[in-house]
Protein backbone atom coordinates (compact mmCIF):
# COMPACT_ATOMS: atom_id res chain seq x y z
CA MET A 1 80.73 -21.53 73.39
CA LEU A 2 77.27 -21.31 74.86
CA ALA A 3 76.00 -23.90 77.27
CA LEU A 4 72.84 -25.80 76.37
CA GLY A 5 71.01 -24.07 79.20
CA GLN A 6 71.84 -20.65 77.78
CA LEU A 7 70.56 -21.65 74.33
CA ALA A 8 67.31 -23.02 75.72
CA ARG A 9 66.65 -20.03 78.02
CA PRO A 10 64.22 -18.16 75.70
CA PHE A 11 62.08 -21.28 75.27
CA VAL A 12 62.01 -22.77 78.77
CA LYS A 13 60.30 -21.44 81.88
CA PRO A 14 61.59 -21.27 84.57
CA SER A 15 65.00 -20.26 83.34
CA ILE A 16 67.76 -22.84 83.41
CA ARG A 17 70.77 -21.73 85.41
CA VAL A 18 74.18 -23.05 84.50
CA PRO A 19 76.46 -23.36 87.53
CA LEU A 20 79.93 -21.99 86.99
CA ALA A 21 82.99 -23.13 88.89
CA GLU A 22 84.42 -20.63 91.31
CA GLN A 23 87.80 -19.37 90.15
CA SER A 24 89.84 -18.64 93.23
CA PRO A 25 93.27 -19.55 94.61
CA ALA A 26 91.60 -21.92 97.08
CA SER A 27 89.72 -23.84 94.38
CA LEU A 28 92.86 -24.07 92.23
CA THR A 29 94.79 -25.39 95.23
CA GLU A 30 92.10 -28.01 95.82
CA LEU A 31 92.19 -29.02 92.15
CA ARG A 32 95.99 -29.31 92.26
CA GLU A 33 95.76 -31.55 95.34
CA LEU A 34 93.19 -33.79 93.62
CA ILE A 35 95.42 -34.14 90.56
CA GLU A 36 98.54 -34.81 92.62
CA SER A 37 96.73 -37.51 94.62
CA ASP A 38 95.50 -39.16 91.38
CA ASP A 39 91.87 -38.62 92.41
CA VAL A 40 91.39 -36.64 89.18
CA ARG A 41 93.03 -37.67 85.92
CA PRO A 42 92.77 -36.03 82.52
CA ALA A 43 91.06 -38.10 79.85
CA ILE A 44 93.66 -38.40 77.09
CA ASP A 45 92.89 -40.42 73.98
CA ARG A 46 96.23 -40.14 72.18
CA THR A 47 99.49 -38.24 72.38
CA TYR A 48 101.41 -37.01 69.34
CA PRO A 49 104.83 -35.34 69.10
CA LEU A 50 104.84 -31.82 67.65
CA ALA A 51 106.22 -33.10 64.32
CA GLU A 52 103.09 -35.26 63.91
CA THR A 53 100.58 -32.46 64.47
CA PRO A 54 99.00 -32.96 61.01
CA ALA A 55 98.36 -36.63 61.87
CA ALA A 56 96.78 -35.57 65.17
CA ILE A 57 94.48 -33.14 63.37
CA ASP A 58 93.55 -35.81 60.82
CA TYR A 59 92.73 -38.23 63.65
CA MET A 60 90.66 -35.63 65.44
CA GLU A 61 88.67 -34.80 62.30
CA SER A 62 88.21 -38.29 60.87
CA GLU A 63 87.96 -40.53 63.93
CA HIS A 64 85.79 -40.18 66.98
CA ALA A 65 88.28 -39.26 69.67
CA ARG A 66 87.03 -40.52 73.04
CA ALA A 67 89.00 -37.90 74.96
CA LYS A 68 91.55 -35.14 74.46
CA ILE A 69 94.37 -35.35 71.97
CA VAL A 70 97.70 -34.07 73.29
CA ILE A 71 100.54 -32.55 71.26
CA THR A 72 103.83 -32.83 73.12
CA VAL A 73 106.49 -30.15 72.74
CA ALA A 74 110.05 -30.94 73.80
CA ALA A 75 111.68 -28.21 75.87
């Protein structure tokens, strides 16, 4: 999926640069620490069990989900 800046590039001067997150072990460690300390939390709208996946898809398509929809899979 293209970022808005990439789509607008041919029409806008100077060029818009889209910053990308650095993918390194150090940045992943920092992200893990933020999640473990509850400084960063995922935005989850609803959670559905695997058996209710069709209902989750219906909700996603027909409603305006405010965040991510999670399908849980029992181990």
